[in-house]
N, C-alpha and C. Protein backbone atom coordinates (compact mmCIF):
# COMPACT_ATOMS: atom_id res chain seq x y z
N MET A 1 -56.14 -60.29 41.86
CA MET A 1 -54.68 -60.24 41.82
C MET A 1 -54.18 -59.95 43.22
N SER A 2 -53.12 -60.70 43.65
CA SER A 2 -52.58 -60.52 44.99
C SER A 2 -51.83 -59.21 45.08
N ARG A 3 -51.56 -58.78 46.36
CA ARG A 3 -50.87 -57.50 46.58
C ARG A 3 -49.46 -57.56 46.00
N SER A 4 -48.78 -58.70 46.14
CA SER A 4 -47.42 -58.82 45.61
C SER A 4 -47.42 -58.79 44.08
N ALA A 5 -48.43 -59.35 43.46
CA ALA A 5 -48.53 -59.30 41.98
C ALA A 5 -48.75 -57.89 41.51
N LYS A 6 -49.62 -57.16 42.27
CA LYS A 6 -49.86 -55.76 41.89
C LYS A 6 -48.58 -54.93 42.01
N ALA A 7 -47.81 -55.18 43.07
CA ALA A 7 -46.55 -54.44 43.26
C ALA A 7 -45.58 -54.71 42.12
N ARG A 8 -45.53 -56.02 41.71
CA ARG A 8 -44.64 -56.35 40.59
C ARG A 8 -45.11 -55.71 39.30
N ALA A 9 -46.43 -55.61 39.12
CA ALA A 9 -46.97 -55.01 37.90
C ALA A 9 -46.70 -53.52 37.83
N GLY A 10 -46.65 -52.84 38.99
CA GLY A 10 -46.43 -51.39 39.01
C GLY A 10 -44.97 -51.01 39.06
N ALA A 11 -44.06 -51.95 39.22
CA ALA A 11 -42.63 -51.64 39.34
C ALA A 11 -41.92 -51.81 38.00
N PHE A 12 -40.74 -51.12 37.86
CA PHE A 12 -39.91 -51.27 36.66
C PHE A 12 -39.06 -52.52 36.78
N THR A 13 -38.94 -53.23 35.68
CA THR A 13 -38.02 -54.35 35.66
C THR A 13 -36.60 -53.83 35.49
N LEU A 14 -35.61 -54.65 35.72
CA LEU A 14 -34.21 -54.26 35.56
C LEU A 14 -33.92 -53.82 34.13
N ALA A 15 -34.48 -54.53 33.16
CA ALA A 15 -34.27 -54.18 31.75
C ALA A 15 -34.83 -52.80 31.44
N GLU A 16 -36.02 -52.53 32.01
CA GLU A 16 -36.64 -51.23 31.77
C GLU A 16 -35.80 -50.11 32.38
N LEU A 17 -35.24 -50.35 33.57
CA LEU A 17 -34.40 -49.34 34.20
C LEU A 17 -33.14 -49.06 33.38
N ILE A 18 -32.56 -50.12 32.87
CA ILE A 18 -31.34 -49.98 32.06
C ILE A 18 -31.64 -49.18 30.80
N ILE A 19 -32.76 -49.50 30.15
CA ILE A 19 -33.15 -48.77 28.94
C ILE A 19 -33.42 -47.31 29.26
N SER A 20 -34.10 -47.04 30.38
CA SER A 20 -34.40 -45.66 30.77
C SER A 20 -33.13 -44.87 31.02
N LEU A 21 -32.17 -45.50 31.70
CA LEU A 21 -30.90 -44.82 31.97
C LEU A 21 -30.14 -44.54 30.68
N ALA A 22 -30.18 -45.51 29.76
CA ALA A 22 -29.49 -45.33 28.48
C ALA A 22 -30.10 -44.19 27.68
N VAL A 23 -31.45 -44.16 27.66
CA VAL A 23 -32.13 -43.07 26.94
C VAL A 23 -31.81 -41.72 27.57
N GLY A 24 -31.80 -41.66 28.90
CA GLY A 24 -31.49 -40.42 29.60
C GLY A 24 -30.08 -39.96 29.31
N ALA A 25 -29.13 -40.90 29.31
CA ALA A 25 -27.74 -40.56 29.02
C ALA A 25 -27.59 -40.03 27.59
N PHE A 26 -28.33 -40.67 26.68
CA PHE A 26 -28.29 -40.23 25.28
C PHE A 26 -28.82 -38.80 25.14
N VAL A 27 -29.92 -38.53 25.83
CA VAL A 27 -30.52 -37.18 25.77
C VAL A 27 -29.57 -36.14 26.34
N LEU A 28 -28.95 -36.46 27.49
CA LEU A 28 -28.00 -35.53 28.09
C LEU A 28 -26.78 -35.31 27.20
N SER A 29 -26.31 -36.40 26.58
CA SER A 29 -25.16 -36.28 25.68
C SER A 29 -25.49 -35.40 24.48
N ALA A 30 -26.69 -35.60 23.92
CA ALA A 30 -27.11 -34.79 22.77
C ALA A 30 -27.26 -33.32 23.16
N ALA A 31 -27.80 -33.08 24.36
CA ALA A 31 -27.96 -31.70 24.83
C ALA A 31 -26.61 -31.04 25.03
N ALA A 32 -25.64 -31.79 25.58
CA ALA A 32 -24.30 -31.25 25.79
C ALA A 32 -23.63 -30.94 24.47
N ALA A 33 -23.79 -31.85 23.49
CA ALA A 33 -23.20 -31.63 22.17
C ALA A 33 -23.82 -30.40 21.51
N LEU A 34 -25.13 -30.24 21.66
CA LEU A 34 -25.80 -29.08 21.09
C LEU A 34 -25.32 -27.79 21.74
N ALA A 35 -25.18 -27.81 23.07
CA ALA A 35 -24.70 -26.63 23.79
C ALA A 35 -23.28 -26.27 23.35
N PHE A 36 -22.42 -27.30 23.17
CA PHE A 36 -21.06 -27.05 22.71
C PHE A 36 -21.05 -26.45 21.31
N ALA A 37 -21.89 -27.00 20.43
CA ALA A 37 -21.95 -26.50 19.06
C ALA A 37 -22.43 -25.05 19.01
N VAL A 38 -23.43 -24.75 19.83
CA VAL A 38 -23.95 -23.38 19.88
C VAL A 38 -22.88 -22.43 20.42
N GLY A 39 -22.18 -22.87 21.48
CA GLY A 39 -21.12 -22.04 22.05
C GLY A 39 -19.99 -21.82 21.06
N HIS A 40 -19.62 -22.88 20.33
CA HIS A 40 -18.55 -22.75 19.32
C HIS A 40 -18.97 -21.80 18.22
N ALA A 41 -20.22 -21.94 17.78
CA ALA A 41 -20.71 -21.04 16.72
C ALA A 41 -20.75 -19.60 17.21
N TRP A 42 -21.11 -19.42 18.48
CA TRP A 42 -21.16 -18.07 19.05
C TRP A 42 -19.76 -17.45 19.10
N ASN A 43 -18.77 -18.26 19.53
CA ASN A 43 -17.39 -17.77 19.57
C ASN A 43 -16.88 -17.45 18.17
N ALA A 44 -17.21 -18.31 17.21
CA ALA A 44 -16.80 -18.06 15.83
C ALA A 44 -17.43 -16.77 15.30
N SER A 45 -18.68 -16.55 15.65
CA SER A 45 -19.36 -15.32 15.24
C SER A 45 -18.68 -14.10 15.84
N ASP A 46 -18.27 -14.20 17.10
CA ASP A 46 -17.55 -13.10 17.75
C ASP A 46 -16.24 -12.81 17.03
N ASP A 47 -15.50 -13.88 16.66
CA ASP A 47 -14.23 -13.70 15.96
C ASP A 47 -14.44 -13.04 14.60
N VAL A 48 -15.48 -13.46 13.89
CA VAL A 48 -15.79 -12.86 12.59
C VAL A 48 -16.12 -11.38 12.76
N ASN A 49 -16.92 -11.07 13.77
CA ASN A 49 -17.27 -9.67 14.02
C ASN A 49 -16.04 -8.85 14.36
N GLU A 50 -15.12 -9.44 15.12
CA GLU A 50 -13.88 -8.74 15.46
C GLU A 50 -13.08 -8.45 14.20
N LEU A 51 -12.97 -9.44 13.32
CA LEU A 51 -12.25 -9.23 12.06
C LEU A 51 -12.89 -8.12 11.24
N VAL A 52 -14.21 -8.19 11.10
CA VAL A 52 -14.92 -7.21 10.29
C VAL A 52 -14.75 -5.80 10.87
N ASN A 53 -14.82 -5.69 12.20
CA ASN A 53 -14.68 -4.38 12.82
C ASN A 53 -13.28 -3.81 12.62
N HIS A 54 -12.26 -4.65 12.75
CA HIS A 54 -10.89 -4.20 12.52
C HIS A 54 -10.74 -3.68 11.08
N GLY A 55 -11.22 -4.47 10.14
CA GLY A 55 -11.10 -4.06 8.75
C GLY A 55 -11.91 -2.84 8.42
N ARG A 56 -13.15 -2.78 8.94
CA ARG A 56 -14.02 -1.66 8.63
C ARG A 56 -13.45 -0.34 9.18
N ASN A 57 -12.95 -0.37 10.40
CA ASN A 57 -12.39 0.85 10.99
C ASN A 57 -11.21 1.37 10.19
N GLY A 58 -10.34 0.45 9.78
CA GLY A 58 -9.20 0.86 8.96
C GLY A 58 -9.62 1.39 7.61
N ALA A 59 -10.58 0.71 6.98
CA ALA A 59 -11.05 1.13 5.65
C ALA A 59 -11.72 2.50 5.71
N VAL A 60 -12.49 2.76 6.76
CA VAL A 60 -13.15 4.06 6.91
C VAL A 60 -12.11 5.16 7.08
N ARG A 61 -11.09 4.91 7.88
CA ARG A 61 -10.04 5.90 8.11
C ARG A 61 -9.32 6.24 6.80
N ILE A 62 -8.97 5.20 6.04
CA ILE A 62 -8.26 5.42 4.79
C ILE A 62 -9.14 6.15 3.78
N ALA A 63 -10.43 5.77 3.71
CA ALA A 63 -11.35 6.44 2.79
C ALA A 63 -11.44 7.94 3.09
N GLU A 64 -11.45 8.29 4.37
CA GLU A 64 -11.49 9.71 4.75
C GLU A 64 -10.23 10.43 4.28
N ARG A 65 -9.08 9.78 4.42
CA ARG A 65 -7.82 10.39 3.99
C ARG A 65 -7.78 10.56 2.47
N ILE A 66 -8.32 9.58 1.76
CA ILE A 66 -8.33 9.67 0.30
C ILE A 66 -9.21 10.83 -0.15
N ARG A 67 -10.37 10.96 0.43
CA ARG A 67 -11.28 12.04 0.04
C ARG A 67 -10.66 13.41 0.26
N ALA A 68 -9.88 13.55 1.32
CA ALA A 68 -9.29 14.84 1.65
C ALA A 68 -7.96 15.09 0.95
N ALA A 69 -7.40 14.07 0.29
CA ALA A 69 -6.07 14.18 -0.30
C ALA A 69 -6.05 15.11 -1.51
N ARG A 70 -4.87 15.67 -1.77
CA ARG A 70 -4.68 16.50 -2.95
C ARG A 70 -4.39 15.66 -4.19
N ALA A 71 -3.66 14.55 -4.00
CA ALA A 71 -3.31 13.71 -5.15
C ALA A 71 -2.86 12.34 -4.65
N VAL A 72 -2.92 11.36 -5.56
CA VAL A 72 -2.45 10.00 -5.30
C VAL A 72 -1.11 9.83 -5.99
N GLY A 73 -0.13 9.28 -5.27
CA GLY A 73 1.19 9.06 -5.83
C GLY A 73 1.42 7.60 -6.17
N TYR A 74 2.51 7.05 -5.64
CA TYR A 74 2.87 5.68 -5.96
C TYR A 74 1.82 4.69 -5.43
N VAL A 75 1.45 3.75 -6.28
CA VAL A 75 0.47 2.72 -5.91
C VAL A 75 1.01 1.35 -6.36
N SER A 76 0.96 0.38 -5.46
CA SER A 76 1.31 -1.00 -5.80
C SER A 76 0.33 -1.92 -5.09
N ASN A 77 0.57 -3.22 -5.16
CA ASN A 77 -0.34 -4.14 -4.48
C ASN A 77 -0.17 -4.11 -2.97
N ARG A 78 0.85 -3.39 -2.49
CA ARG A 78 1.08 -3.28 -1.04
C ARG A 78 1.10 -1.84 -0.55
N HIS A 79 1.33 -0.88 -1.44
CA HIS A 79 1.55 0.50 -1.01
C HIS A 79 0.58 1.48 -1.66
N LEU A 80 0.30 2.52 -0.91
CA LEU A 80 -0.44 3.67 -1.43
C LEU A 80 0.16 4.92 -0.79
N VAL A 81 0.56 5.88 -1.64
CA VAL A 81 1.12 7.13 -1.15
C VAL A 81 0.19 8.26 -1.53
N LEU A 82 -0.16 9.10 -0.55
CA LEU A 82 -1.06 10.23 -0.77
C LEU A 82 -0.35 11.54 -0.48
N TRP A 83 -0.65 12.56 -1.28
CA TRP A 83 -0.32 13.93 -0.90
C TRP A 83 -1.54 14.40 -0.13
N ARG A 84 -1.47 14.32 1.19
CA ARG A 84 -2.67 14.49 2.00
C ARG A 84 -3.11 15.95 2.11
N GLU A 85 -2.16 16.90 2.02
CA GLU A 85 -2.50 18.31 2.16
C GLU A 85 -1.34 19.19 1.69
N ASP A 86 -1.67 20.41 1.32
CA ASP A 86 -0.66 21.41 0.99
C ASP A 86 -0.54 22.31 2.21
N SER A 87 0.18 21.84 3.22
CA SER A 87 0.18 22.50 4.52
C SER A 87 0.77 23.90 4.51
N ASN A 88 1.74 24.15 3.62
CA ASN A 88 2.35 25.49 3.58
C ASN A 88 1.78 26.36 2.47
N GLY A 89 0.85 25.82 1.71
CA GLY A 89 0.16 26.61 0.69
C GLY A 89 1.01 27.03 -0.50
N ASP A 90 2.13 26.33 -0.74
CA ASP A 90 2.99 26.72 -1.86
C ASP A 90 2.62 26.02 -3.16
N GLY A 91 1.61 25.14 -3.12
CA GLY A 91 1.18 24.46 -4.33
C GLY A 91 2.15 23.39 -4.81
N LYS A 92 3.12 23.05 -3.96
CA LYS A 92 4.12 22.04 -4.32
C LYS A 92 4.07 20.87 -3.34
N ILE A 93 4.45 19.70 -3.83
CA ILE A 93 4.47 18.51 -3.00
C ILE A 93 5.72 18.52 -2.13
N ASN A 94 5.54 18.44 -0.82
CA ASN A 94 6.66 18.38 0.11
C ASN A 94 6.63 17.06 0.87
N LEU A 95 7.80 16.60 1.28
CA LEU A 95 7.91 15.28 1.90
C LEU A 95 7.04 15.16 3.14
N ASP A 96 6.98 16.22 3.95
CA ASP A 96 6.22 16.14 5.19
C ASP A 96 4.72 16.26 4.97
N GLU A 97 4.29 16.36 3.72
CA GLU A 97 2.87 16.43 3.39
C GLU A 97 2.34 15.10 2.84
N LEU A 98 3.20 14.08 2.86
CA LEU A 98 2.85 12.77 2.30
C LEU A 98 2.46 11.78 3.39
N THR A 99 1.58 10.87 3.03
CA THR A 99 1.21 9.75 3.90
C THR A 99 1.32 8.46 3.10
N VAL A 100 1.89 7.43 3.72
CA VAL A 100 2.01 6.14 3.05
C VAL A 100 1.22 5.10 3.82
N TYR A 101 0.55 4.22 3.09
CA TYR A 101 -0.12 3.05 3.65
C TYR A 101 0.55 1.82 3.06
N TYR A 102 0.85 0.86 3.92
CA TYR A 102 1.47 -0.37 3.42
C TYR A 102 1.16 -1.53 4.36
N LEU A 103 1.30 -2.73 3.83
CA LEU A 103 1.05 -3.94 4.60
C LEU A 103 2.35 -4.42 5.21
N ASN A 104 2.38 -4.51 6.54
CA ASN A 104 3.50 -5.10 7.25
C ASN A 104 3.26 -6.60 7.33
N LYS A 105 3.96 -7.35 6.50
CA LYS A 105 3.71 -8.79 6.39
C LYS A 105 4.11 -9.55 7.65
N SER A 106 5.09 -9.04 8.39
CA SER A 106 5.55 -9.75 9.57
C SER A 106 4.55 -9.68 10.72
N SER A 107 3.80 -8.57 10.81
CA SER A 107 2.83 -8.40 11.89
C SER A 107 1.39 -8.46 11.42
N ASN A 108 1.19 -8.60 10.09
CA ASN A 108 -0.16 -8.59 9.51
C ASN A 108 -0.95 -7.34 9.92
N GLU A 109 -0.27 -6.19 9.81
CA GLU A 109 -0.90 -4.92 10.13
C GLU A 109 -0.87 -4.00 8.91
N LEU A 110 -1.94 -3.29 8.71
CA LEU A 110 -1.98 -2.25 7.69
C LEU A 110 -1.51 -0.97 8.36
N MET A 111 -0.38 -0.44 7.89
CA MET A 111 0.28 0.68 8.55
C MET A 111 -0.01 2.01 7.85
N GLU A 112 0.00 3.07 8.65
CA GLU A 112 -0.11 4.44 8.15
C GLU A 112 1.09 5.21 8.69
N GLY A 113 1.82 5.89 7.79
CA GLY A 113 3.02 6.60 8.23
C GLY A 113 3.19 7.93 7.54
N GLN A 114 3.85 8.84 8.25
CA GLN A 114 4.12 10.17 7.69
C GLN A 114 5.19 10.85 8.53
N VAL A 115 5.76 11.91 7.97
CA VAL A 115 6.70 12.74 8.71
C VAL A 115 5.90 13.64 9.65
N VAL A 116 6.33 13.68 10.91
CA VAL A 116 5.64 14.49 11.92
C VAL A 116 6.59 15.58 12.41
N MET A 117 6.27 16.81 12.06
CA MET A 117 7.09 17.94 12.49
C MET A 117 6.70 18.34 13.92
N ARG A 118 7.72 18.60 14.74
CA ARG A 118 7.49 19.06 16.10
C ARG A 118 7.81 20.55 16.22
N SER A 119 7.22 21.17 17.19
CA SER A 119 7.44 22.62 17.36
C SER A 119 8.87 22.94 17.73
N ASP A 120 9.57 21.98 18.35
CA ASP A 120 10.94 22.23 18.78
C ASP A 120 11.97 21.70 17.78
N THR A 121 11.53 21.34 16.58
CA THR A 121 12.45 20.82 15.57
C THR A 121 13.39 21.91 15.09
N ASP A 122 14.69 21.62 15.09
CA ASP A 122 15.67 22.62 14.65
C ASP A 122 15.62 22.77 13.14
N ALA A 123 16.17 23.87 12.66
CA ALA A 123 16.08 24.22 11.24
C ALA A 123 16.73 23.17 10.34
N ARG A 124 17.85 22.61 10.76
CA ARG A 124 18.55 21.62 9.94
C ARG A 124 17.71 20.35 9.79
N THR A 125 17.15 19.86 10.90
CA THR A 125 16.31 18.66 10.84
C THR A 125 15.03 18.93 10.04
N GLN A 126 14.47 20.11 10.21
CA GLN A 126 13.27 20.45 9.46
C GLN A 126 13.54 20.47 7.96
N ALA A 127 14.67 21.03 7.57
CA ALA A 127 15.01 21.08 6.15
C ALA A 127 15.22 19.69 5.57
N ALA A 128 15.73 18.76 6.40
CA ALA A 128 15.99 17.40 5.94
C ALA A 128 14.70 16.59 5.80
N ASN A 129 13.62 17.06 6.41
CA ASN A 129 12.34 16.34 6.37
C ASN A 129 11.25 17.10 5.64
N ASP A 130 11.53 18.32 5.24
CA ASP A 130 10.53 19.17 4.60
C ASP A 130 11.13 19.80 3.36
N TYR A 131 11.08 19.06 2.26
CA TYR A 131 11.61 19.58 1.00
C TYR A 131 10.71 19.15 -0.14
N GLU A 132 10.85 19.84 -1.25
CA GLU A 132 9.96 19.58 -2.38
C GLU A 132 10.25 18.23 -3.04
N VAL A 133 9.18 17.55 -3.39
CA VAL A 133 9.25 16.28 -4.09
C VAL A 133 8.67 16.48 -5.48
N THR A 134 9.39 16.08 -6.50
CA THR A 134 8.88 16.24 -7.86
C THR A 134 7.72 15.29 -8.11
N THR A 135 6.91 15.63 -9.10
CA THR A 135 5.78 14.77 -9.45
C THR A 135 6.25 13.39 -9.87
N ASP A 136 7.34 13.32 -10.59
CA ASP A 136 7.89 12.03 -11.02
C ASP A 136 8.30 11.19 -9.81
N ASP A 137 9.00 11.80 -8.85
CA ASP A 137 9.42 11.06 -7.65
C ASP A 137 8.21 10.64 -6.82
N PHE A 138 7.18 11.46 -6.80
CA PHE A 138 5.97 11.18 -6.05
C PHE A 138 5.29 9.90 -6.52
N THR A 139 5.44 9.58 -7.78
CA THR A 139 4.76 8.41 -8.36
C THR A 139 5.68 7.20 -8.50
N ARG A 140 6.92 7.30 -8.05
CA ARG A 140 7.86 6.19 -8.15
C ARG A 140 7.92 5.39 -6.85
N ALA A 141 8.33 4.13 -6.97
CA ALA A 141 8.42 3.25 -5.80
C ALA A 141 9.42 3.78 -4.77
N SER A 142 10.43 4.49 -5.22
CA SER A 142 11.46 5.00 -4.32
C SER A 142 10.92 5.99 -3.30
N ILE A 143 9.73 6.58 -3.55
CA ILE A 143 9.19 7.54 -2.60
C ILE A 143 8.86 6.87 -1.27
N VAL A 144 8.56 5.58 -1.29
CA VAL A 144 8.24 4.85 -0.06
C VAL A 144 9.46 4.82 0.86
N SER A 145 10.61 4.42 0.33
CA SER A 145 11.81 4.36 1.15
C SER A 145 12.28 5.76 1.54
N THR A 146 12.13 6.73 0.64
CA THR A 146 12.51 8.10 0.98
C THR A 146 11.71 8.60 2.18
N LEU A 147 10.43 8.32 2.17
CA LEU A 147 9.55 8.78 3.25
C LEU A 147 9.81 8.02 4.55
N THR A 148 9.87 6.69 4.47
CA THR A 148 10.00 5.88 5.69
C THR A 148 11.37 6.00 6.34
N ARG A 149 12.36 6.48 5.61
CA ARG A 149 13.70 6.65 6.17
C ARG A 149 13.94 8.06 6.70
N ALA A 150 12.98 8.94 6.54
CA ALA A 150 13.12 10.30 7.06
C ALA A 150 13.25 10.25 8.59
N SER A 151 14.05 11.12 9.15
CA SER A 151 14.34 11.05 10.59
C SER A 151 13.12 11.33 11.46
N LEU A 152 12.15 12.08 10.94
CA LEU A 152 10.96 12.40 11.72
C LEU A 152 9.75 11.56 11.31
N TYR A 153 10.01 10.48 10.60
CA TYR A 153 8.92 9.60 10.15
C TYR A 153 8.36 8.83 11.33
N GLN A 154 7.03 8.75 11.40
CA GLN A 154 6.34 7.96 12.42
C GLN A 154 5.22 7.17 11.75
N GLU A 155 4.90 6.01 12.32
CA GLU A 155 3.85 5.18 11.75
C GLU A 155 3.12 4.42 12.84
N GLY A 156 1.93 3.95 12.50
CA GLY A 156 1.13 3.15 13.41
C GLY A 156 0.11 2.34 12.63
N PRO A 157 -0.42 1.27 13.23
CA PRO A 157 -1.38 0.41 12.52
C PRO A 157 -2.77 1.02 12.46
N VAL A 158 -3.45 0.82 11.34
CA VAL A 158 -4.85 1.22 11.21
C VAL A 158 -5.78 0.01 11.15
N ALA A 159 -5.20 -1.18 10.97
CA ALA A 159 -5.98 -2.41 10.96
C ALA A 159 -5.07 -3.59 11.27
N ASP A 160 -5.60 -4.55 12.06
CA ASP A 160 -4.87 -5.77 12.40
C ASP A 160 -5.42 -6.96 11.61
N TYR A 161 -4.70 -8.08 11.69
CA TYR A 161 -5.11 -9.34 11.06
C TYR A 161 -5.21 -9.23 9.53
N VAL A 162 -4.47 -8.31 8.94
CA VAL A 162 -4.54 -8.12 7.49
C VAL A 162 -3.52 -9.04 6.82
N SER A 163 -4.01 -9.96 6.01
CA SER A 163 -3.11 -10.90 5.32
C SER A 163 -2.82 -10.47 3.89
N ALA A 164 -3.68 -9.63 3.32
CA ALA A 164 -3.45 -9.16 1.95
C ALA A 164 -4.24 -7.88 1.71
N ILE A 165 -3.68 -7.02 0.87
CA ILE A 165 -4.39 -5.81 0.45
C ILE A 165 -4.25 -5.67 -1.06
N ASP A 166 -5.18 -4.99 -1.64
CA ASP A 166 -5.14 -4.75 -3.08
C ASP A 166 -5.73 -3.38 -3.36
N TRP A 167 -4.92 -2.51 -3.98
CA TRP A 167 -5.38 -1.18 -4.34
C TRP A 167 -5.72 -1.15 -5.83
N VAL A 168 -6.86 -0.58 -6.16
CA VAL A 168 -7.28 -0.45 -7.55
C VAL A 168 -7.59 1.02 -7.81
N ILE A 169 -7.01 1.59 -8.87
CA ILE A 169 -7.21 3.00 -9.19
C ILE A 169 -7.80 3.14 -10.59
N ASP A 170 -8.51 4.24 -10.79
CA ASP A 170 -9.17 4.42 -12.09
C ASP A 170 -8.22 4.97 -13.15
N LEU A 171 -7.29 5.82 -12.75
CA LEU A 171 -6.32 6.41 -13.66
C LEU A 171 -4.93 6.32 -13.04
N ASP A 172 -3.92 6.26 -13.89
CA ASP A 172 -2.55 6.21 -13.37
C ASP A 172 -2.24 7.47 -12.57
N ALA A 173 -1.48 7.28 -11.48
CA ALA A 173 -1.03 8.42 -10.68
C ALA A 173 -0.14 9.32 -11.54
N PRO A 174 -0.21 10.62 -11.33
CA PRO A 174 -0.92 11.35 -10.27
C PRO A 174 -2.32 11.83 -10.67
N TYR A 175 -2.89 11.20 -11.72
CA TYR A 175 -4.19 11.67 -12.21
C TYR A 175 -5.35 10.83 -11.64
N THR A 176 -5.05 10.02 -10.66
CA THR A 176 -6.05 9.16 -10.04
C THR A 176 -7.17 9.98 -9.41
N ARG A 177 -8.39 9.52 -9.61
CA ARG A 177 -9.54 10.18 -9.00
C ARG A 177 -10.27 9.24 -8.03
N LEU A 178 -10.23 7.95 -8.31
CA LEU A 178 -10.93 6.95 -7.51
C LEU A 178 -9.95 5.87 -7.06
N VAL A 179 -9.98 5.55 -5.75
CA VAL A 179 -9.15 4.49 -5.19
C VAL A 179 -10.06 3.47 -4.53
N GLN A 180 -9.90 2.21 -4.90
CA GLN A 180 -10.66 1.13 -4.28
C GLN A 180 -9.70 0.23 -3.50
N LEU A 181 -10.15 -0.20 -2.34
CA LEU A 181 -9.33 -1.02 -1.46
C LEU A 181 -10.03 -2.35 -1.19
N ARG A 182 -9.25 -3.41 -1.31
CA ARG A 182 -9.73 -4.76 -0.98
C ARG A 182 -8.84 -5.30 0.14
N LEU A 183 -9.45 -5.56 1.29
CA LEU A 183 -8.73 -6.06 2.46
C LEU A 183 -9.09 -7.52 2.72
N THR A 184 -8.08 -8.36 2.89
CA THR A 184 -8.31 -9.73 3.32
C THR A 184 -7.79 -9.86 4.75
N LEU A 185 -8.69 -10.22 5.66
CA LEU A 185 -8.35 -10.34 7.07
C LEU A 185 -8.42 -11.80 7.49
N THR A 186 -7.40 -12.25 8.21
CA THR A 186 -7.33 -13.66 8.58
C THR A 186 -6.96 -13.79 10.05
N LYS A 187 -7.71 -14.65 10.75
CA LYS A 187 -7.40 -14.96 12.14
C LYS A 187 -7.71 -16.43 12.37
N ASP A 188 -6.72 -17.15 12.87
CA ASP A 188 -6.85 -18.61 13.05
C ASP A 188 -7.23 -19.23 11.70
N ASN A 189 -8.38 -19.90 11.64
CA ASN A 189 -8.79 -20.53 10.38
C ASN A 189 -9.90 -19.76 9.67
N MET A 190 -10.12 -18.52 10.10
CA MET A 190 -11.19 -17.72 9.50
C MET A 190 -10.61 -16.62 8.63
N SER A 191 -11.32 -16.30 7.57
CA SER A 191 -10.88 -15.25 6.66
C SER A 191 -12.09 -14.46 6.19
N GLN A 192 -11.93 -13.15 6.15
CA GLN A 192 -12.98 -12.26 5.68
C GLN A 192 -12.37 -11.26 4.70
N THR A 193 -13.16 -10.89 3.71
CA THR A 193 -12.70 -9.90 2.72
C THR A 193 -13.64 -8.70 2.74
N LEU A 194 -13.05 -7.53 2.82
CA LEU A 194 -13.82 -6.29 2.81
C LEU A 194 -13.38 -5.43 1.64
N GLN A 195 -14.33 -4.73 1.06
CA GLN A 195 -14.03 -3.82 -0.04
C GLN A 195 -14.52 -2.42 0.30
N SER A 196 -13.73 -1.43 -0.08
CA SER A 196 -14.08 -0.05 0.18
C SER A 196 -13.52 0.80 -0.95
N GLY A 197 -14.01 2.02 -1.05
CA GLY A 197 -13.52 2.91 -2.10
C GLY A 197 -13.84 4.35 -1.76
N ALA A 198 -13.08 5.27 -2.35
CA ALA A 198 -13.31 6.69 -2.13
C ALA A 198 -12.75 7.49 -3.29
N SER A 199 -13.37 8.63 -3.54
CA SER A 199 -12.91 9.54 -4.59
C SER A 199 -12.36 10.81 -3.96
N LEU A 200 -11.32 11.36 -4.57
CA LEU A 200 -10.77 12.62 -4.09
C LEU A 200 -11.82 13.72 -4.31
N ARG A 201 -12.09 14.51 -3.27
CA ARG A 201 -13.10 15.57 -3.39
C ARG A 201 -12.64 16.67 -4.34
N ALA A 202 -11.38 17.06 -4.19
CA ALA A 202 -10.88 18.17 -5.01
C ALA A 202 -9.50 17.78 -5.55
N PRO A 203 -9.44 16.85 -6.50
CA PRO A 203 -8.15 16.41 -7.03
C PRO A 203 -7.40 17.56 -7.68
N LEU A 204 -6.11 17.58 -7.45
CA LEU A 204 -5.28 18.65 -7.97
C LEU A 204 -4.93 18.39 -9.42
N GLU A 205 -4.98 19.42 -10.24
CA GLU A 205 -4.58 19.32 -11.63
C GLU A 205 -3.08 19.57 -11.72
N LEU A 206 -2.31 18.48 -11.65
CA LEU A 206 -0.87 18.61 -11.71
C LEU A 206 -0.41 18.80 -13.14
N GLU A 207 0.64 19.55 -13.30
CA GLU A 207 1.18 19.79 -14.64
C GLU A 207 1.93 18.56 -15.14
């Protein structure tokens, strides 16, 4: 075989080069698509973890409050009212001893609110925010507006991205012993549901 024939035998033809380039492009395209898919899945996993962490932190906080509470008051699919403590030791429910949890639909936040007494509060303002609440009023829907309209009422979010909440109790208030919470958290096109529950450690025997 001549030297030129050997050179032609060892070289790639134009068709072979075109096929090689096409195969290489296909491999690179597949690798890029795989990298994009992995990155998208990783970002989605991060978003899911963020949702779960937001919900879990809020659920843990609420469970702690329920365990320490004296009694459960008004409960609906959006609200939970707790007599969190008998701060003055009089054995009676007072407005400044209540905590309310509710879903703010406009911001998708699970809120926690209560009356906050300050050391420099004058006697008139204190009396307007610290008075006895009857057991009947404690378990009525009107207690939510009474509490949230108090002049010293303050609130803040305990969980973000909350699209729905559901409270389930074992007995009607104020005789509730067990409270279960179902949180639905939504961000973009992802949704996660968390469930939590807690029992009152020392439920009060109300008359």
